[in-house]
């Protein structure tokens, strides 16, 4: 029951974000508490973290790529391009922005 309680409280704190503490701290704290109390063996925890390294690196890479695109004005340029090619048509502007959104999501989204 303690294991379940720690998981539920960690997830609730992650969602509520009290004191403006980022979500990751609440979940990491819950995971560390599970290991510290011996509810999850530390070898299992280390193995689980090790199994996810490729995913963590992928997510970090996607975040860096997205931030570089933002800093270098890619999204502003794409919006300007869509505006210029809409030629005054709100329907065409919507379609172009939708297409740009799809392409950005395909190439820069981590899901």
PDB file of N, CA and C in Angstrom:
ATOM      1  N   UNK A   1       0.825  -1.203   0.000  1.00  0.00           N
ATOM      2  CA  UNK A   1       0.000   0.000   0.000  1.00  0.00           C
ATOM      3  C   UNK A   1       0.862   1.258   0.000  1.00  0.00           C
ATOM      4  N   UNK A   2       2.011   1.203   0.698  1.00  0.00           N
ATOM      5  CA  UNK A   2       2.899   2.367   0.738  1.00  0.00           C
ATOM      6  C   UNK A   2       3.431   2.678  -0.652  1.00  0.00           C
ATOM      7  N   UNK A   3       3.784   1.632  -1.404  1.00  0.00           N
ATOM      8  CA  UNK A   3       4.264   1.818  -2.772  1.00  0.00           C
ATOM      9  C   UNK A   3       3.224   2.547  -3.609  1.00  0.00           C
ATOM     10  N   UNK A   4       1.993   2.093  -3.545  1.00  0.00           N
ATOM     11  CA  UNK A   4       0.908   2.714  -4.306  1.00  0.00           C
ATOM     12  C   UNK A   4       0.671   4.148  -3.854  1.00  0.00           C
ATOM     13  N   UNK A   5       0.733   4.387  -2.553  1.00  0.00           N
ATOM     14  CA  UNK A   5       0.522   5.733  -2.019  1.00  0.00           C
ATOM     15  C   UNK A   5       1.595   6.697  -2.518  1.00  0.00           C
ATOM     16  N   UNK A   6       2.848   6.261  -2.526  1.00  0.00           N
ATOM     17  CA  UNK A   6       3.934   7.130  -2.995  1.00  0.00           C
ATOM     18  C   UNK A   6       3.763   7.438  -4.486  1.00  0.00           C
ATOM     19  N   UNK A   7       3.368   6.445  -5.254  1.00  0.00           N
ATOM     20  CA  UNK A   7       3.157   6.663  -6.687  1.00  0.00           C
ATOM     21  C   UNK A   7       2.019   7.648  -6.912  1.00  0.00           C
ATOM     22  N   UNK A   8       0.906   7.462  -6.229  1.00  0.00           N
ATOM     23  CA  UNK A   8      -0.253   8.341  -6.413  1.00  0.00           C
ATOM     24  C   UNK A   8       0.075   9.767  -5.978  1.00  0.00           C
ATOM     25  N   UNK A   9       0.736   9.917  -4.838  1.00  0.00           N
ATOM     26  CA  UNK A   9       1.084  11.261  -4.355  1.00  0.00           C
ATOM     27  C   UNK A   9       2.075  11.930  -5.301  1.00  0.00           C
ATOM     28  N   UNK A  10       3.058  11.180  -5.783  1.00  0.00           N
ATOM     29  CA  UNK A  10       4.033  11.747  -6.723  1.00  0.00           C
ATOM     30  C   UNK A  10       3.353  12.232  -7.997  1.00  0.00           C
ATOM     31  N   UNK A  11       2.452  11.428  -8.526  1.00  0.00           N
ATOM     32  CA  UNK A  11       1.742  11.830  -9.738  1.00  0.00           C
ATOM     33  C   UNK A  11       0.824  13.023  -9.492  1.00  0.00           C
ATOM     34  N   UNK A  12       0.163  13.044  -8.335  1.00  0.00           N
ATOM     35  CA  UNK A  12      -0.711  14.179  -8.006  1.00  0.00           C
ATOM     36  C   UNK A  12       0.106  15.461  -7.880  1.00  0.00           C
ATOM     37  N   UNK A  13       1.260  15.376  -7.232  1.00  0.00           N
ATOM     38  CA  UNK A  13       2.121  16.554  -7.098  1.00  0.00           C
ATOM     39  C   UNK A  13       2.667  16.984  -8.455  1.00  0.00           C
ATOM     40  N   UNK A  14       2.964  16.017  -9.304  1.00  0.00           N
ATOM     41  CA  UNK A  14       3.431  16.337 -10.650  1.00  0.00           C
ATOM     42  C   UNK A  14       2.367  17.130 -11.405  1.00  0.00           C
ATOM     43  N   UNK A  15       1.125  16.715 -11.288  1.00  0.00           N
ATOM     44  CA  UNK A  15       0.042  17.390 -11.998  1.00  0.00           C
ATOM     45  C   UNK A  15      -0.295  18.743 -11.387  1.00  0.00           C
ATOM     46  N   UNK A  16      -0.247  18.842 -10.059  1.00  0.00           N
ATOM     47  CA  UNK A  16      -0.618  20.082  -9.369  1.00  0.00           C
ATOM     48  C   UNK A  16       0.497  21.119  -9.390  1.00  0.00           C
ATOM     49  N   UNK A  17       1.747  20.673  -9.432  1.00  0.00           N
ATOM     50  CA  UNK A  17       2.915  21.546  -9.419  1.00  0.00           C
ATOM     51  C   UNK A  17       2.855  22.590  -8.308  1.00  0.00           C
ATOM     52  N   UNK A  18       2.690  22.177  -7.043  1.00  0.00           N
ATOM     53  CA  UNK A  18       2.679  23.168  -5.962  1.00  0.00           C
ATOM     54  C   UNK A  18       4.035  23.860  -5.853  1.00  0.00           C
ATOM     55  N   UNK A  19       4.006  25.104  -5.397  1.00  0.00           N
ATOM     56  CA  UNK A  19       5.213  25.914  -5.199  1.00  0.00           C
ATOM     57  C   UNK A  19       5.994  26.142  -6.496  1.00  0.00           C
ATOM     58  N   UNK A  20       5.344  25.941  -7.623  1.00  0.00           N
ATOM     59  CA  UNK A  20       5.973  26.103  -8.946  1.00  0.00           C
ATOM     60  C   UNK A  20       7.210  25.230  -9.129  1.00  0.00           C
ATOM     61  N   UNK A  21       7.243  24.089  -8.440  1.00  0.00           N
ATOM     62  CA  UNK A  21       8.337  23.135  -8.605  1.00  0.00           C
ATOM     63  C   UNK A  21       8.062  22.344  -9.887  1.00  0.00           C
ATOM     64  N   UNK A  22       9.044  22.252 -10.794  1.00  0.00           N
ATOM     65  CA  UNK A  22       8.826  21.519 -12.042  1.00  0.00           C
ATOM     66  C   UNK A  22       8.402  20.072 -11.804  1.00  0.00           C
ATOM     67  N   UNK A  23       7.644  19.552 -12.753  1.00  0.00           N
ATOM     68  CA  UNK A  23       7.040  18.225 -12.636  1.00  0.00           C
ATOM     69  C   UNK A  23       8.059  17.120 -12.372  1.00  0.00           C
ATOM     70  N   UNK A  24       9.178  17.200 -13.035  1.00  0.00           N
ATOM     71  CA  UNK A  24      10.177  16.151 -12.928  1.00  0.00           C
ATOM     72  C   UNK A  24      10.706  15.935 -11.523  1.00  0.00           C
ATOM     73  N   UNK A  25      10.775  17.003 -10.743  1.00  0.00           N
ATOM     74  CA  UNK A  25      11.280  16.877  -9.373  1.00  0.00           C
ATOM     75  C   UNK A  25      10.348  16.026  -8.512  1.00  0.00           C
ATOM     76  N   UNK A  26       9.044  16.195  -8.690  1.00  0.00           N
ATOM     77  CA  UNK A  26       8.087  15.421  -7.896  1.00  0.00           C
ATOM     78  C   UNK A  26       8.176  13.936  -8.229  1.00  0.00           C
ATOM     79  N   UNK A  27       8.263  13.628  -9.512  1.00  0.00           N
ATOM     80  CA  UNK A  27       8.320  12.229  -9.922  1.00  0.00           C
ATOM     81  C   UNK A  27       9.660  11.610  -9.531  1.00  0.00           C
ATOM     82  N   UNK A  28      10.749  12.354  -9.741  1.00  0.00           N
ATOM     83  CA  UNK A  28      12.068  11.837  -9.353  1.00  0.00           C
ATOM     84  C   UNK A  28      12.145  11.638  -7.841  1.00  0.00           C
ATOM     85  N   UNK A  29      11.554  12.563  -7.101  1.00  0.00           N
ATOM     86  CA  UNK A  29      11.537  12.415  -5.643  1.00  0.00           C
ATOM     87  C   UNK A  29      10.783  11.169  -5.212  1.00  0.00           C
ATOM     88  N   UNK A  30       9.662  10.909  -5.859  1.00  0.00           N
ATOM     89  CA  UNK A  30       8.898   9.699  -5.553  1.00  0.00           C
ATOM     90  C   UNK A  30       9.685   8.444  -5.884  1.00  0.00           C
ATOM     91  N   UNK A  31      10.379   8.460  -7.013  1.00  0.00           N
ATOM     92  CA  UNK A  31      11.190   7.303  -7.405  1.00  0.00           C
ATOM     93  C   UNK A  31      12.324   7.082  -6.414  1.00  0.00           C
ATOM     94  N   UNK A  32      12.987   8.164  -6.023  1.00  0.00           N
ATOM     95  CA  UNK A  32      14.072   8.041  -5.039  1.00  0.00           C
ATOM     96  C   UNK A  32      13.550   7.544  -3.698  1.00  0.00           C
ATOM     97  N   UNK A  33      12.369   8.002  -3.307  1.00  0.00           N
ATOM     98  CA  UNK A  33      11.768   7.545  -2.056  1.00  0.00           C
ATOM     99  C   UNK A  33      11.456   6.051  -2.111  1.00  0.00           C
ATOM    100  N   UNK A  34      10.967   5.584  -3.246  1.00  0.00           N
ATOM    101  CA  UNK A  34      10.688   4.150  -3.404  1.00  0.00           C
ATOM    102  C   UNK A  34      11.960   3.320  -3.243  1.00  0.00           C
ATOM    103  N   UNK A  35      13.053   3.812  -3.813  1.00  0.00           N
ATOM    104  CA  UNK A  35      14.326   3.096  -3.701  1.00  0.00           C
ATOM    105  C   UNK A  35      14.863   3.204  -2.283  1.00  0.00           C
ATOM    106  N   UNK A  36      14.803   4.408  -1.690  1.00  0.00           N
ATOM    107  CA  UNK A  36      15.339   4.621  -0.340  1.00  0.00           C
ATOM    108  C   UNK A  36      14.612   3.773   0.697  1.00  0.00           C
ATOM    109  N   UNK A  37      13.327   3.572   0.509  1.00  0.00           N
ATOM    110  CA  UNK A  37      12.555   2.763   1.453  1.00  0.00           C
ATOM    111  C   UNK A  37      12.639   1.269   1.149  1.00  0.00           C
ATOM    112  N   UNK A  38      13.327   0.923   0.087  1.00  0.00           N
ATOM    113  CA  UNK A  38      13.484  -0.487  -0.266  1.00  0.00           C
ATOM    114  C   UNK A  38      12.268  -1.100  -0.925  1.00  0.00           C
ATOM    115  N   UNK A  39      11.329  -0.271  -1.357  1.00  0.00           N
ATOM    116  CA  UNK A  39      10.132  -0.786  -2.019  1.00  0.00           C
ATOM    117  C   UNK A  39      10.424  -1.202  -3.464  1.00  0.00           C
ATOM    118  N   UNK A  40      11.447  -0.598  -4.030  1.00  0.00           N
ATOM    119  CA  UNK A  40      11.939  -0.988  -5.355  1.00  0.00           C
ATOM    120  C   UNK A  40      13.434  -1.227  -5.189  1.00  0.00           C
ATOM    121  N   UNK A  41      13.928  -2.407  -5.558  1.00  0.00           N
ATOM    122  CA  UNK A  41      15.365  -2.666  -5.419  1.00  0.00           C
ATOM    123  C   UNK A  41      16.192  -1.691  -6.261  1.00  0.00           C
ATOM    124  N   UNK A  42      17.302  -1.217  -5.719  1.00  0.00           N
ATOM    125  CA  UNK A  42      18.095  -0.223  -6.433  1.00  0.00           C
ATOM    126  C   UNK A  42      18.638  -0.770  -7.746  1.00  0.00           C
ATOM    127  N   UNK A  43      18.921  -2.054  -7.811  1.00  0.00           N
ATOM    128  CA  UNK A  43      19.407  -2.641  -9.070  1.00  0.00           C
ATOM    129  C   UNK A  43      18.324  -2.581 -10.153  1.00  0.00           C
ATOM    130  N   UNK A  44      17.092  -2.800  -9.757  1.00  0.00           N
ATOM    131  CA  UNK A  44      15.985  -2.691 -10.722  1.00  0.00           C
ATOM    132  C   UNK A  44      15.828  -1.255 -11.202  1.00  0.00           C
ATOM    133  N   UNK A  45      15.986  -0.314 -10.274  1.00  0.00           N
ATOM    134  CA  UNK A  45      15.871   1.101 -10.645  1.00  0.00           C
ATOM    135  C   UNK A  45      16.987   1.507 -11.601  1.00  0.00           C
ATOM    136  N   UNK A  46      18.208   1.100 -11.305  1.00  0.00           N
ATOM    137  CA  UNK A  46      19.343   1.413 -12.185  1.00  0.00           C
ATOM    138  C   UNK A  46      19.138   0.761 -13.549  1.00  0.00           C
ATOM    139  N   UNK A  47      18.675  -0.467 -13.562  1.00  0.00           N
ATOM    140  CA  UNK A  47      18.421  -1.170 -14.827  1.00  0.00           C
ATOM    141  C   UNK A  47      17.333  -0.448 -15.637  1.00  0.00           C
ATOM    142  N   UNK A  48      16.281   0.008 -14.963  1.00  0.00           N
ATOM    143  CA  UNK A  48      15.194   0.709 -15.656  1.00  0.00           C
ATOM    144  C   UNK A  48      15.695   2.021 -16.264  1.00  0.00           C
ATOM    145  N   UNK A  49      16.511   2.750 -15.510  1.00  0.00           N
ATOM    146  CA  UNK A  49      17.072   3.999 -16.032  1.00  0.00           C
ATOM    147  C   UNK A  49      17.985   3.695 -17.217  1.00  0.00           C
ATOM    148  N   UNK A  50      18.805   2.659 -17.096  1.00  0.00           N
ATOM    149  CA  UNK A  50      19.705   2.283 -18.187  1.00  0.00           C
ATOM    150  C   UNK A  50      18.967   1.874 -19.448  1.00  0.00           C
ATOM    151  N   UNK A  51      17.842   1.218 -19.298  1.00  0.00           N
ATOM    152  CA  UNK A  51      17.054   0.808 -20.465  1.00  0.00           C
ATOM    153  C   UNK A  51      16.479   2.003 -21.223  1.00  0.00           C
ATOM    154  N   UNK A  52      16.317   3.122 -20.533  1.00  0.00           N
ATOM    155  CA  UNK A  52      15.703   4.288 -21.169  1.00  0.00           C
ATOM    156  C   UNK A  52      16.677   5.305 -21.724  1.00  0.00           C
ATOM    157  N   UNK A  53      17.978   5.038 -21.667  1.00  0.00           N
ATOM    158  CA  UNK A  53      18.972   6.025 -22.091  1.00  0.00           C
ATOM    159  C   UNK A  53      18.747   6.474 -23.535  1.00  0.00           C
ATOM    160  N   UNK A  54      18.457   5.555 -24.435  1.00  0.00           N
ATOM    161  CA  UNK A  54      18.248   5.944 -25.827  1.00  0.00           C
ATOM    162  C   UNK A  54      17.057   6.881 -25.975  1.00  0.00           C
ATOM    163  N   UNK A  55      16.015   6.647 -25.205  1.00  0.00           N
ATOM    164  CA  UNK A  55      14.835   7.520 -25.243  1.00  0.00           C
ATOM    165  C   UNK A  55      15.181   8.894 -24.679  1.00  0.00           C
ATOM    166  N   UNK A  56      15.917   8.926 -23.566  1.00  0.00           N
ATOM    167  CA  UNK A  56      16.299  10.208 -22.966  1.00  0.00           C
ATOM    168  C   UNK A  56      17.140  11.023 -23.942  1.00  0.00           C
ATOM    169  N   UNK A  57      18.092  10.375 -24.592  1.00  0.00           N
ATOM    170  CA  UNK A  57      18.934  11.090 -25.551  1.00  0.00           C
ATOM    171  C   UNK A  57      18.120  11.590 -26.739  1.00  0.00           C
ATOM    172  N   UNK A  58      17.172  10.792 -27.194  1.00  0.00           N
ATOM    173  CA  UNK A  58      16.306  11.217 -28.291  1.00  0.00           C
ATOM    174  C   UNK A  58      15.506  12.465 -27.901  1.00  0.00           C
ATOM    175  N   UNK A  59      14.912  12.447 -26.705  1.00  0.00           N
ATOM    176  CA  UNK A  59      14.108  13.585 -26.258  1.00  0.00           C
ATOM    177  C   UNK A  59      14.957  14.832 -26.081  1.00  0.00           C
ATOM    178  N   UNK A  60      16.140  14.689 -25.519  1.00  0.00           N
ATOM    179  CA  UNK A  60      17.039  15.842 -25.358  1.00  0.00           C
ATOM    180  C   UNK A  60      17.412  16.392 -26.730  1.00  0.00           C
ATOM    181  N   UNK A  61      17.714  15.508 -27.679  1.00  0.00           N
ATOM    182  CA  UNK A  61      18.043  15.954 -29.023  1.00  0.00           C
ATOM    183  C   UNK A  61      16.900  16.694 -29.693  1.00  0.00           C
ATOM    184  N   UNK A  62      15.683  16.188 -29.531  1.00  0.00           N
ATOM    185  CA  UNK A  62      14.519  16.855 -30.127  1.00  0.00           C
ATOM    186  C   UNK A  62      14.289  18.225 -29.484  1.00  0.00           C
ATOM    187  N   UNK A  63      14.468  18.309 -28.170  1.00  0.00           N
ATOM    188  CA  UNK A  63      14.294  19.598 -27.496  1.00  0.00           C
ATOM    189  C   UNK A  63      15.349  20.601 -27.959  1.00  0.00           C
ATOM    190  N   UNK A  64      16.585  20.143 -28.101  1.00  0.00           N
ATOM    191  CA  UNK A  64      17.649  21.033 -28.589  1.00  0.00           C
ATOM    192  C   UNK A  64      17.369  21.492 -30.017  1.00  0.00           C
ATOM    193  N   UNK A  65      16.951  20.574 -30.854  1.00  0.00           N
ATOM    194  CA  UNK A  65      16.646  20.921 -32.239  1.00  0.00           C
ATOM    195  C   UNK A  65      15.499  21.932 -32.319  1.00  0.00           C
ATOM    196  N   UNK A  66      14.467  21.721 -31.528  1.00  0.00           N
ATOM    197  CA  UNK A  66      13.328  22.643 -31.513  1.00  0.00           C
ATOM    198  C   UNK A  66      13.740  24.013 -31.003  1.00  0.00           C
ATOM    199  N   UNK A  67      14.562  24.053 -29.963  1.00  0.00           N
ATOM    200  CA  UNK A  67      15.008  25.338 -29.420  1.00  0.00           C
ATOM    201  C   UNK A  67      15.907  26.071 -30.409  1.00  0.00           C
ATOM    202  N   UNK A  68      16.772  25.348 -31.096  1.00  0.00           N
ATOM    203  CA  UNK A  68      17.605  25.980 -32.122  1.00  0.00           C
ATOM    204  C   UNK A  68      16.742  26.546 -33.247  1.00  0.00           C
ATOM    205  N   UNK A  69      15.725  25.816 -33.642  1.00  0.00           N
ATOM    206  CA  UNK A  69      14.814  26.311 -34.681  1.00  0.00           C
ATOM    207  C   UNK A  69      14.121  27.589 -34.217  1.00  0.00           C
ATOM    208  N   UNK A  70      13.708  27.625 -32.948  1.00  0.00           N
ATOM    209  CA  UNK A  70      13.049  28.821 -32.416  1.00  0.00           C
ATOM    210  C   UNK A  70      14.009  30.002 -32.357  1.00  0.00           C
ATOM    211  N   UNK A  71      15.202  29.770 -31.822  1.00  0.00           N
ATOM    212  CA  UNK A  71      16.193  30.844 -31.660  1.00  0.00           C
ATOM    213  C   UNK A  71      16.585  31.430 -33.018  1.00  0.00           C
ATOM    214  N   UNK A  72      16.711  30.576 -34.017  1.00  0.00           N
ATOM    215  CA  UNK A  72      17.133  31.047 -35.333  1.00  0.00           C
ATOM    216  C   UNK A  72      15.969  31.511 -36.204  1.00  0.00           C
ATOM    217  N   UNK A  73      14.768  31.578 -35.640  1.00  0.00           N
ATOM    218  CA  UNK A  73      13.643  32.191 -36.334  1.00  0.00           C
ATOM    219  C   UNK A  73      12.941  31.315 -37.353  1.00  0.00           C
ATOM    220  N   UNK A  74      13.121  30.012 -37.289  1.00  0.00           N
ATOM    221  CA  UNK A  74      12.477  29.138 -38.264  1.00  0.00           C
ATOM    222  C   UNK A  74      10.951  29.267 -38.209  1.00  0.00           C
ATOM    223  N   UNK A  75      10.386  29.293 -37.018  1.00  0.00           N
ATOM    224  CA  UNK A  75       8.931  29.342 -36.896  1.00  0.00           C
ATOM    225  C   UNK A  75       8.380  30.688 -37.369  1.00  0.00           C
ATOM    226  N   UNK A  76       9.098  31.762 -37.073  1.00  0.00           N
ATOM    227  CA  UNK A  76       8.681  33.076 -37.571  1.00  0.00           C
ATOM    228  C   UNK A  76       8.756  33.118 -39.096  1.00  0.00           C
ATOM    229  N   UNK A  77       9.827  32.533 -39.647  1.00  0.00           N
ATOM    230  CA  UNK A  77       9.969  32.506 -41.098  1.00  0.00           C
ATOM    231  C   UNK A  77       8.852  31.696 -41.747  1.00  0.00           C
ATOM    232  N   UNK A  78       8.527  30.545 -41.173  1.00  0.00           N
ATOM    233  CA  UNK A  78       7.447  29.723 -41.721  1.00  0.00           C
ATOM    234  C   UNK A  78       6.104  30.453 -41.672  1.00  0.00           C
ATOM    235  N   UNK A  79       5.853  31.165 -40.582  1.00  0.00           N
ATOM    236  CA  UNK A  79       4.607  31.935 -40.478  1.00  0.00           C
ATOM    237  C   UNK A  79       4.580  33.050 -41.522  1.00  0.00           C
ATOM    238  N   UNK A  80       5.705  33.729 -41.714  1.00  0.00           N
ATOM    239  CA  UNK A  80       5.779  34.793 -42.731  1.00  0.00           C
ATOM    240  C   UNK A  80       5.594  34.226 -44.126  1.00  0.00           C
ATOM    241  N   UNK A  81       6.204  33.072 -44.364  1.00  0.00           N
ATOM    242  CA  UNK A  81       6.060  32.424 -45.670  1.00  0.00           C
ATOM    243  C   UNK A  81       4.598  32.087 -45.941  1.00  0.00           C
ATOM    244  N   UNK A  82       3.925  31.535 -44.946  1.00  0.00           N
ATOM    245  CA  UNK A  82       2.507  31.176 -45.112  1.00  0.00           C
ATOM    246  C   UNK A  82       1.676  32.434 -45.368  1.00  0.00           C
ATOM    247  N   UNK A  83       1.978  33.488 -44.641  1.00  0.00           N
ATOM    248  CA  UNK A  83       1.237  34.748 -44.812  1.00  0.00           C
ATOM    249  C   UNK A  83       1.432  35.300 -46.224  1.00  0.00           C
ATOM    250  N   UNK A  84       2.671  35.269 -46.703  1.00  0.00           N
ATOM    251  CA  UNK A  84       2.959  35.808 -48.033  1.00  0.00           C
ATOM    252  C   UNK A  84       2.292  34.985 -49.134  1.00  0.00           C
ATOM    253  N   UNK A  85       2.253  33.669 -48.945  1.00  0.00           N
ATOM    254  CA  UNK A  85       1.675  32.808 -49.974  1.00  0.00           C
ATOM    255  C   UNK A  85       0.154  32.664 -49.881  1.00  0.00           C
ATOM    256  N   UNK A  86      -0.437  33.202 -48.835  1.00  0.00           N
ATOM    257  CA  UNK A  86      -1.898  33.150 -48.708  1.00  0.00           C
ATOM    258  C   UNK A  86      -2.558  34.135 -49.650  1.00  0.00           C
ATOM    259  N   UNK A  87      -1.847  35.175 -50.051  1.00  0.00           N
ATOM    260  CA  UNK A  87      -2.343  36.199 -50.989  1.00  0.00           C
ATOM    261  C   UNK A  87      -3.708  36.746 -50.581  1.00  0.00           C
ATOM    262  N   UNK A  88      -3.853  37.026 -49.299  1.00  0.00           N
ATOM    263  CA  UNK A  88      -5.072  37.670 -48.815  1.00  0.00           C
ATOM    264  C   UNK A  88      -6.234  36.730 -48.532  1.00  0.00           C
ATOM    265  N   UNK A  89      -6.084  35.469 -48.794  1.00  0.00           N
ATOM    266  CA  UNK A  89      -7.168  34.512 -48.577  1.00  0.00           C
ATOM    267  C   UNK A  89      -7.039  33.887 -47.191  1.00  0.00           C
ATOM    268  N   UNK A  90      -8.094  34.055 -46.389  1.00  0.00           N
ATOM    269  CA  UNK A  90      -8.060  33.461 -45.054  1.00  0.00           C
ATOM    270  C   UNK A  90      -8.112  31.935 -45.133  1.00  0.00           C
ATOM    271  N   UNK A  91      -8.814  31.410 -46.109  1.00  0.00           N
ATOM    272  CA  UNK A  91      -8.887  29.955 -46.278  1.00  0.00           C
ATOM    273  C   UNK A  91      -7.523  29.394 -46.656  1.00  0.00           C
ATOM    274  N   UNK A  92      -6.841  30.072 -47.588  1.00  0.00           N
ATOM    275  CA  UNK A  92      -5.504  29.620 -47.996  1.00  0.00           C
ATOM    276  C   UNK A  92      -4.519  29.762 -46.837  1.00  0.00           C
ATOM    277  N   UNK A  93      -4.632  30.850 -46.070  1.00  0.00           N
ATOM    278  CA  UNK A  93      -3.756  31.042 -44.909  1.00  0.00           C
ATOM    279  C   UNK A  93      -3.967  29.925 -43.898  1.00  0.00           C
ATOM    280  N   UNK A  94      -5.221  29.580 -43.650  1.00  0.00           N
ATOM    281  CA  UNK A  94      -5.509  28.486 -42.715  1.00  0.00           C
ATOM    282  C   UNK A  94      -4.887  27.184 -43.207  1.00  0.00           C
ATOM    283  N   UNK A  95      -5.061  26.879 -44.486  1.00  0.00           N
ATOM    284  CA  UNK A  95      -4.524  25.637 -45.044  1.00  0.00           C
ATOM    285  C   UNK A  95      -2.998  25.608 -44.976  1.00  0.00           C
ATOM    286  N   UNK A  96      -2.367  26.744 -45.298  1.00  0.00           N
ATOM    287  CA  UNK A  96      -0.905  26.798 -45.244  1.00  0.00           C
ATOM    288  C   UNK A  96      -0.392  26.663 -43.813  1.00  0.00           C
ATOM    289  N   UNK A  97      -1.028  27.337 -42.876  1.00  0.00           N
ATOM    290  CA  UNK A  97      -0.608  27.228 -41.473  1.00  0.00           C
ATOM    291  C   UNK A  97      -0.848  25.812 -40.943  1.00  0.00           C
ATOM    292  N   UNK A  98      -1.914  25.214 -41.380  1.00  0.00           N
ATOM    293  CA  UNK A  98      -2.187  23.830 -40.985  1.00  0.00           C
ATOM    294  C   UNK A  98      -1.085  22.906 -41.522  1.00  0.00           C
ATOM    295  N   UNK A  99      -0.720  23.096 -42.791  1.00  0.00           N
ATOM    296  CA  UNK A  99       0.331  22.277 -43.401  1.00  0.00           C
ATOM    297  C   UNK A  99       1.674  22.513 -42.707  1.00  0.00           C
ATOM    298  N   UNK A 100       1.983  23.769 -42.413  1.00  0.00           N
ATOM    299  CA  UNK A 100       3.224  24.085 -41.701  1.00  0.00           C
ATOM    300  C   UNK A 100       3.209  23.431 -40.319  1.00  0.00           C
ATOM    301  N   UNK A 101       2.084  23.492 -39.632  1.00  0.00           N
ATOM    302  CA  UNK A 101       1.965  22.868 -38.316  1.00  0.00           C
ATOM    303  C   UNK A 101       2.176  21.366 -38.378  1.00  0.00           C
ATOM    304  N   UNK A 102       1.629  20.741 -39.407  1.00  0.00           N
ATOM    305  CA  UNK A 102       1.811  19.296 -39.580  1.00  0.00           C
ATOM    306  C   UNK A 102       3.283  18.976 -39.811  1.00  0.00           C
ATOM    307  N   UNK A 103       3.950  19.724 -40.691  1.00  0.00           N
ATOM    308  CA  UNK A 103       5.356  19.470 -40.968  1.00  0.00           C
ATOM    309  C   UNK A 103       6.247  19.704 -39.743  1.00  0.00           C
ATOM    310  N   UNK A 104       5.977  20.773 -39.014  1.00  0.00           N
ATOM    311  CA  UNK A 104       6.752  21.047 -37.799  1.00  0.00           C
ATOM    312  C   UNK A 104       6.548  19.929 -36.785  1.00  0.00           C
ATOM    313  N   UNK A 105       5.310  19.473 -36.649  1.00  0.00           N
ATOM    314  CA  UNK A 105       5.019  18.390 -35.711  1.00  0.00           C
ATOM    315  C   UNK A 105       5.707  17.096 -36.126  1.00  0.00           C
ATOM    316  N   UNK A 106       5.697  16.801 -37.418  1.00  0.00           N
ATOM    317  CA  UNK A 106       6.320  15.568 -37.906  1.00  0.00           C
ATOM    318  C   UNK A 106       7.821  15.572 -37.614  1.00  0.00           C
ATOM    319  N   UNK A 107       8.474  16.712 -37.838  1.00  0.00           N
ATOM    320  CA  UNK A 107       9.921  16.743 -37.729  1.00  0.00           C
ATOM    321  C   UNK A 107      10.448  17.186 -36.362  1.00  0.00           C
ATOM    322  N   UNK A 108       9.662  17.905 -35.582  1.00  0.00           N
ATOM    323  CA  UNK A 108      10.188  18.444 -34.335  1.00  0.00           C
ATOM    324  C   UNK A 108       9.414  18.040 -33.087  1.00  0.00           C
ATOM    325  N   UNK A 109       8.464  17.140 -33.221  1.00  0.00           N
ATOM    326  CA  UNK A 109       7.696  16.715 -32.059  1.00  0.00           C
ATOM    327  C   UNK A 109       8.294  15.444 -31.492  1.00  0.00           C
ATOM    328  N   UNK A 110       8.243  15.299 -30.174  1.00  0.00           N
ATOM    329  CA  UNK A 110       8.839  14.122 -29.550  1.00  0.00           C
ATOM    330  C   UNK A 110       7.831  13.006 -29.320  1.00  0.00           C
ATOM    331  N   UNK A 111       6.674  13.097 -29.918  1.00  0.00           N
ATOM    332  CA  UNK A 111       5.716  11.995 -29.765  1.00  0.00           C
ATOM    333  C   UNK A 111       5.567  11.302 -31.096  1.00  0.00           C
TER     334      UNK A 111
END
